[in-house]
C-alpha cells in the first residue's frame, strides 16, 4: 500500500475511507436483515393457515379455532 504514501490524503484518509466503507456496508447488511425479519412469518401466519385448513376439513370446531387463533395472535 505504498501508493498512498505520496497521496494528498495520506494514511489518515486511507483509514477514514476504510472505516466509512465498513460502516456503510455494515449499515446495508443491517438494513437487509431488518427487512427480512420484518417480512418474515409474523403473527403465526403459517400456523394460522394450518389452523384454517383444519377448520375447513372439520378437524376442529369454531370454538377451538377461535381459542387457538387468539392464543397465536397474543404471541
Protein backbone atom coordinates (compact mmCIF):
# COMPACT_ATOMS: atom_id res chain seq x y z
CA UNK A 1 0.00 0.00 0.00
CA UNK A 2 2.91 2.29 -0.63
CA UNK A 3 0.96 4.25 -3.26
CA UNK A 4 -0.95 6.08 -0.51
CA UNK A 5 2.24 7.47 0.96
CA UNK A 6 2.59 10.31 -1.54
CA UNK A 7 -1.16 10.92 -1.79
CA UNK A 8 -2.51 14.25 -0.51
CA UNK A 9 -4.87 12.23 1.71
CA UNK A 10 -2.07 10.40 3.44
CA UNK A 11 -2.66 7.43 5.69
CA UNK A 12 -5.35 9.21 7.69
CA UNK A 13 -7.50 9.50 4.60
CA UNK A 14 -7.00 5.83 3.80
CA UNK A 15 -8.02 4.83 7.33
CA UNK A 16 -11.08 7.10 7.29
CA UNK A 17 -12.14 5.78 3.88
CA UNK A 18 -11.81 2.19 5.12
CA UNK A 19 -13.81 2.92 8.27
CA UNK A 20 -16.53 4.67 6.26
CA UNK A 21 -16.81 1.71 3.89
CA UNK A 22 -17.11 -0.70 6.84
CA UNK A 23 -19.82 1.44 8.44
CA UNK A 24 -21.64 1.86 5.11
CA UNK A 25 -21.68 -1.83 4.21
CA UNK A 26 -22.47 -2.80 7.80
CA UNK A 27 -25.47 -0.48 7.65
CA UNK A 28 -26.61 -2.03 4.38
CA UNK A 29 -26.35 -5.52 5.86
CA UNK A 30 -28.24 -4.46 9.00
CA UNK A 31 -30.96 -2.89 6.85
CA UNK A 32 -31.26 -6.08 4.81
CA UNK A 33 -31.55 -8.24 7.92
CA UNK A 34 -34.17 -5.91 9.41
CA UNK A 35 -36.23 -6.02 6.21
CA UNK A 36 -36.00 -9.81 6.03
CA UNK A 37 -37.14 -10.15 9.63
CA UNK A 38 -39.99 -7.71 9.05
CA UNK A 39 -41.32 -9.58 6.03
CA UNK A 40 -40.90 -12.94 7.75
CA UNK A 41 -43.61 -15.02 9.35
CA UNK A 42 -45.13 -12.57 11.81
CA UNK A 43 -48.10 -13.31 14.00
CA UNK A 44 -48.04 -17.03 13.30
CA UNK A 45 -49.04 -16.72 9.62
CA UNK A 46 -48.13 -20.31 8.75
CA UNK A 47 -49.73 -21.62 11.93
CA UNK A 48 -52.89 -19.66 11.20
CA UNK A 49 -53.08 -21.11 7.68
CA UNK A 50 -52.79 -24.62 9.10
CA UNK A 51 -55.46 -23.80 11.66
CA UNK A 52 -57.78 -22.54 8.92
CA UNK A 53 -57.19 -25.73 6.92
CA UNK A 54 -58.06 -27.85 9.95
CA UNK A 55 -61.28 -25.88 10.39
CA UNK A 56 -62.14 -26.31 6.71
CA UNK A 57 -61.56 -30.08 6.92
CA UNK A 58 -63.71 -30.30 10.01
CA UNK A 59 -60.92 -31.45 12.33
CA UNK A 60 -61.78 -28.68 14.83
CA UNK A 61 -64.88 -26.67 15.59
CA UNK A 62 -65.22 -22.88 15.56
CA UNK A 63 -64.85 -22.55 19.34
CA UNK A 64 -61.48 -24.32 19.30
CA UNK A 65 -60.47 -22.33 16.20
CA UNK A 66 -61.21 -19.04 17.96
CA UNK A 67 -59.38 -20.13 21.11
CA UNK A 68 -56.23 -21.22 19.28
CA UNK A 69 -56.28 -18.18 16.96
CA UNK A 70 -56.47 -15.88 19.98
CA UNK A 71 -53.51 -17.72 21.52
CA UNK A 72 -51.48 -17.39 18.29
CA UNK A 73 -52.14 -13.67 17.97
CA UNK A 74 -51.17 -12.99 21.58
CA UNK A 75 -47.63 -14.23 20.96
